[in-house]
Amino acid sequence: MSEEHLLYRVENHVACFTINREKQRNAITPEAVTLFLECLDRAEDDGDVRAVMITGAGDKAFCTGAQLGDGMSADGRKMFSDYAKLLKRIASFSKPTVARVTGFCLAGGMGFMLACDIVVAGDDAVFGTPEVNVGLWPMMIGALIFRNVPRKKAMEMVLLGERISAPVALAMGLVTRVVPAGELDAEVEAVLKSLTAKSPIGMRIGKEAFNAAADMPLTEALDFLSGKLVEVASTADAREGITAFIEKRPPVFQGK
């Protein structure tokens, strides 16, 4: 794969995605989006992968969205639909996803971050949807913003196009954790270590169940989820987890 756009590696049961355009503040390209989709398929099929981590190269930016001007070309406009496909893929991914955010996280970078299950940001991180400042609008990103942030605060952010500090992003619900920049890697490592120690099949069934139930009426969701509880309780990992709890030892999950 082309490492000038995206780096992919698997380490300690974690598939690590790094947008590799540091000099361009990790602005995404059509090539990067295509590679992202291909590598997500690899991570999905790799039994050694129990979690996914997404970040940007360097410490200046997580991702600042698409390169301005790309949308003027046919390939650039195609990237809009591919980017929407990518956000759907990340948001519905069967394995836990973690965004490691440092520096600028703007425009399309907000989409990557919001599509993840857990977002750990350094206190130096800066967020925002500046599209309105150049006559555009954060269309696909909006679908995720409104699923994470109260409507009034979301509209204020989108309409003003102003940058938001990490503490404000945390208060709004855009991110899940903010730590001092010097402690970011240690915090992300701790989160990933915790995730990879959990039951892979239990988390897969659980994530798929929550995604499916999200738009169901309450009574339908409860009936559906009760059936899913029976399913996850029938796994070998659930039996191992309960046995380990009774025996007062750490469980050893096999993903079965």
Foldseek 3Di string as FASTA:
>chain_A
DDVCAWDWDADQQEIEIEGRPVVVLSEHDLVNLVVLVVVLVVLLPDLSHQEYEQAYPDQAHRYAYHDPPLCVDPSSVVVVVSLLVSLVCLLLPLHAYEYQTHHEQEQSSLSVQLSGPAYEYEQRYKYAYQQVVVPGFSPSSVVSLVVFFPPVVSCVRGVVRDIDTPVVCCVRRSHPYYHHPVCRVVVVVVVVVVRVLAQSQLSSLVSNLCVVLVPPPPVVSVVSVVVSVVVSCPDPQVVQCVVCVVVVHRGDHDND
